[in-house]
Amino acid sequence: LGAGDGMGTGVARYSSVATVRERLATVLDTVPEGDLPVVIGGDC
């Protein structure tokens, strides 16, 4: 829900972006082999 913090990385809202990366990776690991994952953003 929050914007997140840059944590000195030079990337605005780094903490939230990194969290979403981990969550999305976990969900994508559940997509059966051979199926086509189509990600709908949100920002790119």
ModelCIF file with pLDDT and N, C-alpha, C, O atoms, coordinates in Angstrom:
data_MODEL
#
_entry.id   MODEL 
#
_entity.id                         1 
_entity.type                       polymer 
_entity.pdbx_number_of_molecules   1 
#
_entity_poly.entity_id                      1 
_entity_poly.type                           'polypeptide(L)' 
_entity_poly.nstd_linkage                   no 
_entity_poly.nstd_monomer                   no 
_entity_poly.pdbx_seq_one_letter_code       LGAGDGMGTGVARYSSVATVRERLATVLDTVPEGDLPVVIGGDC 
_entity_poly.pdbx_seq_one_letter_code_can   LGAGDGMGTGVARYSSVATVRERLATVLDTVPEGDLPVVIGGDC 
_entity_poly.pdbx_strand_id                 A 
#
loop_
_entity_poly_seq.entity_id 
_entity_poly_seq.num 
_entity_poly_seq.mon_id 
_entity_poly_seq.hetero 
1 1  LEU n 
1 2  GLY n 
1 3  ALA n 
1 4  GLY n 
1 5  ASP n 
1 6  GLY n 
1 7  MET n 
1 8  GLY n 
1 9  THR n 
1 10 GLY n 
1 11 VAL n 
1 12 ALA n 
1 13 ARG n 
1 14 TYR n 
1 15 SER n 
1 16 SER n 
1 17 VAL n 
1 18 ALA n 
1 19 THR n 
1 20 VAL n 
1 21 ARG n 
1 22 GLU n 
1 23 ARG n 
1 24 LEU n 
1 25 ALA n 
1 26 THR n 
1 27 VAL n 
1 28 LEU n 
1 29 ASP n 
1 30 THR n 
1 31 VAL n 
1 32 PRO n 
1 33 GLU n 
1 34 GLY n 
1 35 ASP n 
1 36 LEU n 
1 37 PRO n 
1 38 VAL n 
1 39 VAL n 
1 40 ILE n 
1 41 GLY n 
1 42 GLY n 
1 43 ASP n 
1 44 CYS n 
#
_struct_asym.id          A 
_struct_asym.entity_id   1 
#
loop_
_ma_qa_metric.id 
_ma_qa_metric.mode 
_ma_qa_metric.name 
_ma_qa_metric.software_group_id 
_ma_qa_metric.type 
1 global pLDDT . pLDDT 
2 local  pLDDT . pLDDT 
#
_ma_qa_metric_global.metric_id      1 
_ma_qa_metric_global.metric_value   96.68 
_ma_qa_metric_global.model_id       1 
_ma_qa_metric_global.ordinal_id     1 
#
loop_
_ma_qa_metric_local.label_asym_id 
_ma_qa_metric_local.label_comp_id 
_ma_qa_metric_local.label_seq_id 
_ma_qa_metric_local.metric_id 
_ma_qa_metric_local.metric_value 
_ma_qa_metric_local.model_id 
_ma_qa_metric_local.ordinal_id 
A LEU 1  2 94.00 1 1  
A GLY 2  2 95.00 1 2  
A ALA 3  2 97.00 1 3  
A GLY 4  2 96.00 1 4  
A ASP 5  2 97.00 1 5  
A GLY 6  2 97.00 1 6  
A MET 7  2 97.00 1 7  
A GLY 8  2 97.00 1 8  
A THR 9  2 97.00 1 9  
A GLY 10 2 97.00 1 10 
A VAL 11 2 98.00 1 11 
A ALA 12 2 98.00 1 12 
A ARG 13 2 98.00 1 13 
A TYR 14 2 98.00 1 14 
A SER 15 2 98.00 1 15 
A SER 16 2 98.00 1 16 
A VAL 17 2 98.00 1 17 
A ALA 18 2 98.00 1 18 
A THR 19 2 98.00 1 19 
A VAL 20 2 98.00 1 20 
A ARG 21 2 98.00 1 21 
A GLU 22 2 98.00 1 22 
A ARG 23 2 98.00 1 23 
A LEU 24 2 98.00 1 24 
A ALA 25 2 98.00 1 25 
A THR 26 2 98.00 1 26 
A VAL 27 2 98.00 1 27 
A LEU 28 2 98.00 1 28 
A ASP 29 2 96.00 1 29 
A THR 30 2 96.00 1 30 
A VAL 31 2 95.00 1 31 
A PRO 32 2 93.00 1 32 
A GLU 33 2 87.00 1 33 
A GLY 34 2 87.00 1 34 
A ASP 35 2 95.00 1 35 
A LEU 36 2 97.00 1 36 
A PRO 37 2 98.00 1 37 
A VAL 38 2 98.00 1 38 
A VAL 39 2 98.00 1 39 
A ILE 40 2 98.00 1 40 
A GLY 41 2 97.00 1 41 
A GLY 42 2 96.00 1 42 
A ASP 43 2 98.00 1 43 
A CYS 44 2 97.00 1 44 
#
loop_
_atom_site.group_PDB 
_atom_site.id 
_atom_site.type_symbol 
_atom_site.label_atom_id 
_atom_site.label_alt_id 
_atom_site.label_comp_id 
_atom_site.label_asym_id 
_atom_site.label_entity_id 
_atom_site.label_seq_id 
_atom_site.pdbx_PDB_ins_code 
_atom_site.Cartn_x 
_atom_site.Cartn_y 
_atom_site.Cartn_z 
_atom_site.occupancy 
_atom_site.B_iso_or_equiv 
_atom_site.pdbx_formal_charge 
_atom_site.auth_seq_id 
_atom_site.auth_comp_id 
_atom_site.auth_asym_id 
_atom_site.auth_atom_id 
_atom_site.pdbx_PDB_model_num 
ATOM 1   N N  . LEU A 1 1  ? 0.822  -1.210  0.000   1.00 94.00 ? 1  LEU A N  1 
ATOM 2   C CA . LEU A 1 1  ? 0.000  0.000   0.000   1.00 94.00 ? 1  LEU A CA 1 
ATOM 3   C C  . LEU A 1 1  ? 0.853  1.255   0.000   1.00 94.00 ? 1  LEU A C  1 
ATOM 4   O O  . LEU A 1 1  ? 0.472  2.262   -0.597  1.00 94.00 ? 1  LEU A O  1 
ATOM 5   N N  . GLY A 1 2  ? 1.991  1.210   0.655   1.00 95.00 ? 2  GLY A N  1 
ATOM 6   C CA . GLY A 1 2  ? 2.832  2.386   0.773   1.00 95.00 ? 2  GLY A CA 1 
ATOM 7   C C  . GLY A 1 2  ? 3.724  2.604   -0.429  1.00 95.00 ? 2  GLY A C  1 
ATOM 8   O O  . GLY A 1 2  ? 3.954  1.700   -1.232  1.00 95.00 ? 2  GLY A O  1 
ATOM 9   N N  . ALA A 1 3  ? 4.221  3.825   -0.535  1.00 97.00 ? 3  ALA A N  1 
ATOM 10  C CA . ALA A 1 3  ? 5.094  4.158   -1.654  1.00 97.00 ? 3  ALA A CA 1 
ATOM 11  C C  . ALA A 1 3  ? 6.413  3.411   -1.586  1.00 97.00 ? 3  ALA A C  1 
ATOM 12  O O  . ALA A 1 3  ? 6.946  3.003   -2.617  1.00 97.00 ? 3  ALA A O  1 
ATOM 13  N N  . GLY A 1 4  ? 6.948  3.226   -0.383  1.00 96.00 ? 4  GLY A N  1 
ATOM 14  C CA . GLY A 1 4  ? 8.233  2.572   -0.234  1.00 96.00 ? 4  GLY A CA 1 
ATOM 15  C C  . GLY A 1 4  ? 9.365  3.574   -0.095  1.00 96.00 ? 4  GLY A C  1 
ATOM 16  O O  . GLY A 1 4  ? 9.176  4.780   -0.252  1.00 96.00 ? 4  GLY A O  1 
ATOM 17  N N  . ASP A 1 5  ? 10.542 3.052   0.202   1.00 97.00 ? 5  ASP A N  1 
ATOM 18  C CA . ASP A 1 5  ? 11.704 3.884   0.477   1.00 97.00 ? 5  ASP A CA 1 
ATOM 19  C C  . ASP A 1 5  ? 12.828 3.572   -0.503  1.00 97.00 ? 5  ASP A C  1 
ATOM 20  O O  . ASP A 1 5  ? 13.002 2.427   -0.919  1.00 97.00 ? 5  ASP A O  1 
ATOM 21  N N  . GLY A 1 6  ? 13.589 4.603   -0.867  1.00 97.00 ? 6  GLY A N  1 
ATOM 22  C CA . GLY A 1 6  ? 14.689 4.407   -1.796  1.00 97.00 ? 6  GLY A CA 1 
ATOM 23  C C  . GLY A 1 6  ? 15.868 3.670   -1.212  1.00 97.00 ? 6  GLY A C  1 
ATOM 24  O O  . GLY A 1 6  ? 16.645 3.071   -1.955  1.00 97.00 ? 6  GLY A O  1 
ATOM 25  N N  . MET A 1 7  ? 16.029 3.697   0.117   1.00 97.00 ? 7  MET A N  1 
ATOM 26  C CA . MET A 1 7  ? 17.064 2.944   0.827   1.00 97.00 ? 7  MET A CA 1 
ATOM 27  C C  . MET A 1 7  ? 18.467 3.222   0.297   1.00 97.00 ? 7  MET A C  1 
ATOM 28  O O  . MET A 1 7  ? 19.342 2.357   0.336   1.00 97.00 ? 7  MET A O  1 
ATOM 29  N N  . GLY A 1 8  ? 18.668 4.440   -0.198  1.00 97.00 ? 8  GLY A N  1 
ATOM 30  C CA . GLY A 1 8  ? 19.990 4.832   -0.653  1.00 97.00 ? 8  GLY A CA 1 
ATOM 31  C C  . GLY A 1 8  ? 20.456 4.188   -1.936  1.00 97.00 ? 8  GLY A C  1 
ATOM 32  O O  . GLY A 1 8  ? 21.646 4.220   -2.247  1.00 97.00 ? 8  GLY A O  1 
ATOM 33  N N  . THR A 1 9  ? 19.534 3.599   -2.693  1.00 97.00 ? 9  THR A N  1 
ATOM 34  C CA . THR A 1 9  ? 19.911 2.868   -3.904  1.00 97.00 ? 9  THR A CA 1 
ATOM 35  C C  . THR A 1 9  ? 19.912 3.728   -5.162  1.00 97.00 ? 9  THR A C  1 
ATOM 36  O O  . THR A 1 9  ? 20.469 3.328   -6.184  1.00 97.00 ? 9  THR A O  1 
ATOM 37  N N  . GLY A 1 10 ? 19.289 4.913   -5.097  1.00 97.00 ? 10 GLY A N  1 
ATOM 38  C CA . GLY A 1 10 ? 19.099 5.698   -6.300  1.00 97.00 ? 10 GLY A CA 1 
ATOM 39  C C  . GLY A 1 10 ? 17.845 5.316   -7.064  1.00 97.00 ? 10 GLY A C  1 
ATOM 40  O O  . GLY A 1 10 ? 17.556 5.894   -8.112  1.00 97.00 ? 10 GLY A O  1 
ATOM 41  N N  . VAL A 1 11 ? 17.090 4.341   -6.545  1.00 98.00 ? 11 VAL A N  1 
ATOM 42  C CA . VAL A 1 11 ? 15.824 3.921   -7.152  1.00 98.00 ? 11 VAL A CA 1 
ATOM 43  C C  . VAL A 1 11 ? 14.691 4.384   -6.241  1.00 98.00 ? 11 VAL A C  1 
ATOM 44  O O  . VAL A 1 11 ? 14.595 3.944   -5.095  1.00 98.00 ? 11 VAL A O  1 
ATOM 45  N N  . ALA A 1 12 ? 13.854 5.248   -6.734  1.00 98.00 ? 12 ALA A N  1 
ATOM 46  C CA . ALA A 1 12 ? 12.730 5.731   -5.936  1.00 98.00 ? 12 ALA A CA 1 
ATOM 47  C C  . ALA A 1 12 ? 11.805 4.574   -5.560  1.00 98.00 ? 12 ALA A C  1 
ATOM 48  O O  . ALA A 1 12 ? 11.498 3.717   -6.389  1.00 98.00 ? 12 ALA A O  1 
ATOM 49  N N  . ARG A 1 13 ? 11.364 4.559   -4.293  1.00 98.00 ? 13 ARG A N  1 
ATOM 50  C CA . ARG A 1 13 ? 10.410 3.544   -3.813  1.00 98.00 ? 13 ARG A CA 1 
ATOM 51  C C  . ARG A 1 13 ? 10.983 2.129   -3.965  1.00 98.00 ? 13 ARG A C  1 
ATOM 52  O O  . ARG A 1 13 ? 10.250 1.173   -4.218  1.00 98.00 ? 13 ARG A O  1 
ATOM 53  N N  . TYR A 1 14 ? 12.267 2.021   -3.810  1.00 98.00 ? 14 TYR A N  1 
ATOM 54  C CA . TYR A 1 14 ? 12.970 0.745   -4.008  1.00 98.00 ? 14 TYR A CA 1 
ATOM 55  C C  . TYR A 1 14 ? 12.336 -0.396  -3.226  1.00 98.00 ? 14 TYR A C  1 
ATOM 56  O O  . TYR A 1 14 ? 12.123 -1.474  -3.780  1.00 98.00 ? 14 TYR A O  1 
ATOM 57  N N  . SER A 1 15 ? 12.032 -0.181  -1.954  1.00 98.00 ? 15 SER A N  1 
ATOM 58  C CA . SER A 1 15 ? 11.563 -1.277  -1.105  1.00 98.00 ? 15 SER A CA 1 
ATOM 59  C C  . SER A 1 15 ? 10.283 -1.901  -1.637  1.00 98.00 ? 15 SER A C  1 
ATOM 60  O O  . SER A 1 15 ? 10.130 -3.122  -1.613  1.00 98.00 ? 15 SER A O  1 
ATOM 61  N N  . SER A 1 16 ? 9.358  -1.067  -2.118  1.00 98.00 ? 16 SER A N  1 
ATOM 62  C CA . SER A 1 16 ? 8.111  -1.606  -2.662  1.00 98.00 ? 16 SER A CA 1 
ATOM 63  C C  . SER A 1 16 ? 8.345  -2.339  -3.981  1.00 98.00 ? 16 SER A C  1 
ATOM 64  O O  . SER A 1 16 ? 7.780  -3.409  -4.209  1.00 98.00 ? 16 SER A O  1 
ATOM 65  N N  . VAL A 1 17 ? 9.177  -1.765  -4.847  1.00 98.00 ? 17 VAL A N  1 
ATOM 66  C CA . VAL A 1 17 ? 9.467  -2.402  -6.135  1.00 98.00 ? 17 VAL A CA 1 
ATOM 67  C C  . VAL A 1 17 ? 10.134 -3.758  -5.917  1.00 98.00 ? 17 VAL A C  1 
ATOM 68  O O  . VAL A 1 17 ? 9.803  -4.726  -6.601  1.00 98.00 ? 17 VAL A O  1 
ATOM 69  N N  . ALA A 1 18 ? 11.074 -3.836  -4.965  1.00 98.00 ? 18 ALA A N  1 
ATOM 70  C CA . ALA A 1 18 ? 11.758 -5.094  -4.688  1.00 98.00 ? 18 ALA A CA 1 
ATOM 71  C C  . ALA A 1 18 ? 10.797 -6.131  -4.109  1.00 98.00 ? 18 ALA A C  1 
ATOM 72  O O  . ALA A 1 18 ? 10.888 -7.316  -4.428  1.00 98.00 ? 18 ALA A O  1 
ATOM 73  N N  . THR A 1 19 ? 9.879  -5.679  -3.259  1.00 98.00 ? 19 THR A N  1 
ATOM 74  C CA . THR A 1 19 ? 8.893  -6.589  -2.680  1.00 98.00 ? 19 THR A CA 1 
ATOM 75  C C  . THR A 1 19 ? 7.999  -7.176  -3.764  1.00 98.00 ? 19 THR A C  1 
ATOM 76  O O  . THR A 1 19 ? 7.722  -8.375  -3.763  1.00 98.00 ? 19 THR A O  1 
ATOM 77  N N  . VAL A 1 20 ? 7.546  -6.331  -4.689  1.00 98.00 ? 20 VAL A N  1 
ATOM 78  C CA . VAL A 1 20 ? 6.685  -6.823  -5.769  1.00 98.00 ? 20 VAL A CA 1 
ATOM 79  C C  . VAL A 1 20 ? 7.451  -7.811  -6.653  1.00 98.00 ? 20 VAL A C  1 
ATOM 80  O O  . VAL A 1 20 ? 6.891  -8.814  -7.096  1.00 98.00 ? 20 VAL A O  1 
ATOM 81  N N  . ARG A 1 21 ? 8.722  -7.529  -6.905  1.00 98.00 ? 21 ARG A N  1 
ATOM 82  C CA . ARG A 1 21 ? 9.515  -8.466  -7.699  1.00 98.00 ? 21 ARG A CA 1 
ATOM 83  C C  . ARG A 1 21 ? 9.504  -9.859  -7.073  1.00 98.00 ? 21 ARG A C  1 
ATOM 84  O O  . ARG A 1 21 ? 9.310  -10.856 -7.768  1.00 98.00 ? 21 ARG A O  1 
ATOM 85  N N  . GLU A 1 22 ? 9.713  -9.922  -5.766  1.00 98.00 ? 22 GLU A N  1 
ATOM 86  C CA . GLU A 1 22 ? 9.741  -11.217 -5.082  1.00 98.00 ? 22 GLU A CA 1 
ATOM 87  C C  . GLU A 1 22 ? 8.371  -11.898 -5.123  1.00 98.00 ? 22 GLU A C  1 
ATOM 88  O O  . GLU A 1 22 ? 8.278  -13.103 -5.356  1.00 98.00 ? 22 GLU A O  1 
ATOM 89  N N  . ARG A 1 23 ? 7.316  -11.125 -4.898  1.00 98.00 ? 23 ARG A N  1 
ATOM 90  C CA . ARG A 1 23 ? 5.978  -11.723 -4.894  1.00 98.00 ? 23 ARG A CA 1 
ATOM 91  C C  . ARG A 1 23 ? 5.586  -12.229 -6.274  1.00 98.00 ? 23 ARG A C  1 
ATOM 92  O O  . ARG A 1 23 ? 5.000  -13.303 -6.407  1.00 98.00 ? 23 ARG A O  1 
ATOM 93  N N  . LEU A 1 24 ? 5.911  -11.447 -7.300  1.00 98.00 ? 24 LEU A N  1 
ATOM 94  C CA . LEU A 1 24 ? 5.572  -11.874 -8.651  1.00 98.00 ? 24 LEU A CA 1 
ATOM 95  C C  . LEU A 1 24 ? 6.364  -13.117 -9.034  1.00 98.00 ? 24 LEU A C  1 
ATOM 96  O O  . LEU A 1 24 ? 5.816  -14.029 -9.653  1.00 98.00 ? 24 LEU A O  1 
ATOM 97  N N  . ALA A 1 25 ? 7.640  -13.166 -8.677  1.00 98.00 ? 25 ALA A N  1 
ATOM 98  C CA . ALA A 1 25 ? 8.449  -14.344 -8.986  1.00 98.00 ? 25 ALA A CA 1 
ATOM 99  C C  . ALA A 1 25 ? 7.851  -15.593 -8.345  1.00 98.00 ? 25 ALA A C  1 
ATOM 100 O O  . ALA A 1 25 ? 7.839  -16.663 -8.954  1.00 98.00 ? 25 ALA A O  1 
ATOM 101 N N  . THR A 1 26 ? 7.361  -15.456 -7.126  1.00 98.00 ? 26 THR A N  1 
ATOM 102 C CA . THR A 1 26 ? 6.750  -16.595 -6.437  1.00 98.00 ? 26 THR A CA 1 
ATOM 103 C C  . THR A 1 26 ? 5.503  -17.072 -7.165  1.00 98.00 ? 26 THR A C  1 
ATOM 104 O O  . THR A 1 26 ? 5.300  -18.276 -7.325  1.00 98.00 ? 26 THR A O  1 
ATOM 105 N N  . VAL A 1 27 ? 4.662  -16.135 -7.609  1.00 98.00 ? 27 VAL A N  1 
ATOM 106 C CA . VAL A 1 27 ? 3.449  -16.511 -8.336  1.00 98.00 ? 27 VAL A CA 1 
ATOM 107 C C  . VAL A 1 27 ? 3.792  -17.144 -9.684  1.00 98.00 ? 27 VAL A C  1 
ATOM 108 O O  . VAL A 1 27 ? 3.179  -18.137 -10.075 1.00 98.00 ? 27 VAL A O  1 
ATOM 109 N N  . LEU A 1 28 ? 4.754  -16.583 -10.387 1.00 98.00 ? 28 LEU A N  1 
ATOM 110 C CA . LEU A 1 28 ? 5.126  -17.134 -11.692 1.00 98.00 ? 28 LEU A CA 1 
ATOM 111 C C  . LEU A 1 28 ? 5.665  -18.552 -11.577 1.00 98.00 ? 28 LEU A C  1 
ATOM 112 O O  . LEU A 1 28 ? 5.531  -19.344 -12.510 1.00 98.00 ? 28 LEU A O  1 
ATOM 113 N N  . ASP A 1 29 ? 6.266  -18.876 -10.452 1.00 96.00 ? 29 ASP A N  1 
ATOM 114 C CA . ASP A 1 29 ? 6.766  -20.239 -10.258 1.00 96.00 ? 29 ASP A CA 1 
ATOM 115 C C  . ASP A 1 29 ? 5.640  -21.252 -10.187 1.00 96.00 ? 29 ASP A C  1 
ATOM 116 O O  . ASP A 1 29 ? 5.889  -22.449 -10.327 1.00 96.00 ? 29 ASP A O  1 
ATOM 117 N N  . THR A 1 30 ? 4.404  -20.809 -9.973  1.00 96.00 ? 30 THR A N  1 
ATOM 118 C CA . THR A 1 30 ? 3.261  -21.726 -9.910  1.00 96.00 ? 30 THR A CA 1 
ATOM 119 C C  . THR A 1 30 ? 2.614  -21.937 -11.271 1.00 96.00 ? 30 THR A C  1 
ATOM 120 O O  . THR A 1 30 ? 1.745  -22.797 -11.409 1.00 96.00 ? 30 THR A O  1 
ATOM 121 N N  . VAL A 1 31 ? 3.024  -21.160 -12.291 1.00 95.00 ? 31 VAL A N  1 
ATOM 122 C CA . VAL A 1 31 ? 2.450  -21.328 -13.624 1.00 95.00 ? 31 VAL A CA 1 
ATOM 123 C C  . VAL A 1 31 ? 2.956  -22.640 -14.219 1.00 95.00 ? 31 VAL A C  1 
ATOM 124 O O  . VAL A 1 31 ? 4.168  -22.843 -14.286 1.00 95.00 ? 31 VAL A O  1 
ATOM 125 N N  . PRO A 1 32 ? 2.071  -23.536 -14.653 1.00 93.00 ? 32 PRO A N  1 
ATOM 126 C CA . PRO A 1 32 ? 2.512  -24.828 -15.170 1.00 93.00 ? 32 PRO A CA 1 
ATOM 127 C C  . PRO A 1 32 ? 3.450  -24.679 -16.367 1.00 93.00 ? 32 PRO A C  1 
ATOM 128 O O  . PRO A 1 32 ? 3.278  -23.786 -17.196 1.00 93.00 ? 32 PRO A O  1 
ATOM 129 N N  . GLU A 1 33 ? 4.423  -25.545 -16.443 1.00 87.00 ? 33 GLU A N  1 
ATOM 130 C CA . GLU A 1 33 ? 5.343  -25.565 -17.570 1.00 87.00 ? 33 GLU A CA 1 
ATOM 131 C C  . GLU A 1 33 ? 4.555  -25.760 -18.860 1.00 87.00 ? 33 GLU A C  1 
ATOM 132 O O  . GLU A 1 33 ? 3.716  -26.656 -18.952 1.00 87.00 ? 33 GLU A O  1 
ATOM 133 N N  . GLY A 1 34 ? 4.825  -24.932 -19.840 1.00 87.00 ? 34 GLY A N  1 
ATOM 134 C CA . GLY A 1 34 ? 4.106  -25.028 -21.118 1.00 87.00 ? 34 GLY A CA 1 
ATOM 135 C C  . GLY A 1 34 ? 2.985  -24.029 -21.249 1.00 87.00 ? 34 GLY A C  1 
ATOM 136 O O  . GLY A 1 34 ? 2.563  -23.730 -22.366 1.00 87.00 ? 34 GLY A O  1 
ATOM 137 N N  . ASP A 1 35 ? 2.475  -23.488 -20.121 1.00 95.00 ? 35 ASP A N  1 
ATOM 138 C CA . ASP A 1 35 ? 1.472  -22.437 -20.197 1.00 95.00 ? 35 ASP A CA 1 
ATOM 139 C C  . ASP A 1 35 ? 2.161  -21.102 -20.482 1.00 95.00 ? 35 ASP A C  1 
ATOM 140 O O  . ASP A 1 35 ? 3.348  -20.938 -20.198 1.00 95.00 ? 35 ASP A O  1 
ATOM 141 N N  . LEU A 1 36 ? 1.419  -20.160 -21.037 1.00 97.00 ? 36 LEU A N  1 
ATOM 142 C CA . LEU A 1 36 ? 1.975  -18.853 -21.378 1.00 97.00 ? 36 LEU A CA 1 
ATOM 143 C C  . LEU A 1 36 ? 1.630  -17.847 -20.288 1.00 97.00 ? 36 LEU A C  1 
ATOM 144 O O  . LEU A 1 36 ? 0.465  -17.471 -20.162 1.00 97.00 ? 36 LEU A O  1 
ATOM 145 N N  . PRO A 1 37 ? 2.615  -17.391 -19.482 1.00 98.00 ? 37 PRO A N  1 
ATOM 146 C CA . PRO A 1 37 ? 2.325  -16.357 -18.490 1.00 98.00 ? 37 PRO A CA 1 
ATOM 147 C C  . PRO A 1 37 ? 2.246  -14.988 -19.154 1.00 98.00 ? 37 PRO A C  1 
ATOM 148 O O  . PRO A 1 37 ? 3.146  -14.590 -19.893 1.00 98.00 ? 37 PRO A O  1 
ATOM 149 N N  . VAL A 1 38 ? 1.158  -14.275 -18.882 1.00 98.00 ? 38 VAL A N  1 
ATOM 150 C CA . VAL A 1 38 ? 0.964  -12.925 -19.395 1.00 98.00 ? 38 VAL A CA 1 
ATOM 151 C C  . VAL A 1 38 ? 0.813  -12.003 -18.192 1.00 98.00 ? 38 VAL A C  1 
ATOM 152 O O  . VAL A 1 38 ? -0.171 -12.078 -17.457 1.00 98.00 ? 38 VAL A O  1 
ATOM 153 N N  . VAL A 1 39 ? 1.800  -11.133 -18.001 1.00 98.00 ? 39 VAL A N  1 
ATOM 154 C CA . VAL A 1 39 ? 1.805  -10.234 -16.852 1.00 98.00 ? 39 VAL A CA 1 
ATOM 155 C C  . VAL A 1 39 ? 1.123  -8.930  -17.234 1.00 98.00 ? 39 VAL A C  1 
ATOM 156 O O  . VAL A 1 39 ? 1.454  -8.319  -18.249 1.00 98.00 ? 39 VAL A O  1 
ATOM 157 N N  . ILE A 1 40 ? 0.174  -8.513  -16.415 1.00 98.00 ? 40 ILE A N  1 
ATOM 158 C CA . ILE A 1 40 ? -0.575 -7.290  -16.653 1.00 98.00 ? 40 ILE A CA 1 
ATOM 159 C C  . ILE A 1 40 ? -0.210 -6.270  -15.578 1.00 98.00 ? 40 ILE A C  1 
ATOM 160 O O  . ILE A 1 40 ? -0.529 -6.459  -14.404 1.00 98.00 ? 40 ILE A O  1 
ATOM 161 N N  . GLY A 1 41 ? 0.473  -5.166  -15.989 1.00 97.00 ? 41 GLY A N  1 
ATOM 162 C CA . GLY A 1 41 ? 0.768  -4.093  -15.048 1.00 97.00 ? 41 GLY A CA 1 
ATOM 163 C C  . GLY A 1 41 ? -0.383 -3.116  -15.018 1.00 97.00 ? 41 GLY A C  1 
ATOM 164 O O  . GLY A 1 41 ? -1.356 -3.265  -15.758 1.00 97.00 ? 41 GLY A O  1 
ATOM 165 N N  . GLY A 1 42 ? -0.276 -2.135  -14.179 1.00 96.00 ? 42 GLY A N  1 
ATOM 166 C CA . GLY A 1 42 ? 0.832  -1.612  -13.459 1.00 96.00 ? 42 GLY A CA 1 
ATOM 167 C C  . GLY A 1 42 ? 1.930  -1.031  -14.371 1.00 96.00 ? 42 GLY A C  1 
ATOM 168 O O  . GLY A 1 42 ? 1.885  -1.117  -15.598 1.00 96.00 ? 42 GLY A O  1 
ATOM 169 N N  . ASP A 1 43 ? 2.919  -0.433  -13.681 1.00 98.00 ? 43 ASP A N  1 
ATOM 170 C CA . ASP A 1 43 ? 4.033  0.134   -14.427 1.00 98.00 ? 43 ASP A CA 1 
ATOM 171 C C  . ASP A 1 43 ? 4.914  -0.986  -14.973 1.00 98.00 ? 43 ASP A C  1 
ATOM 172 O O  . ASP A 1 43 ? 4.809  -2.139  -14.555 1.00 98.00 ? 43 ASP A O  1 
ATOM 173 N N  . CYS A 1 44 ? 5.791  -0.620  -15.925 1.00 97.00 ? 44 CYS A N  1 
ATOM 174 C CA . CYS A 1 44 ? 6.535  -1.658  -16.629 1.00 97.00 ? 44 CYS A CA 1 
ATOM 175 C C  . CYS A 1 44 ? 7.688  -2.217  -15.811 1.00 97.00 ? 44 CYS A C  1 
ATOM 176 O O  . CYS A 1 44 ? 8.405  -3.101  -16.279 1.00 97.00 ? 44 CYS A O  1 
#
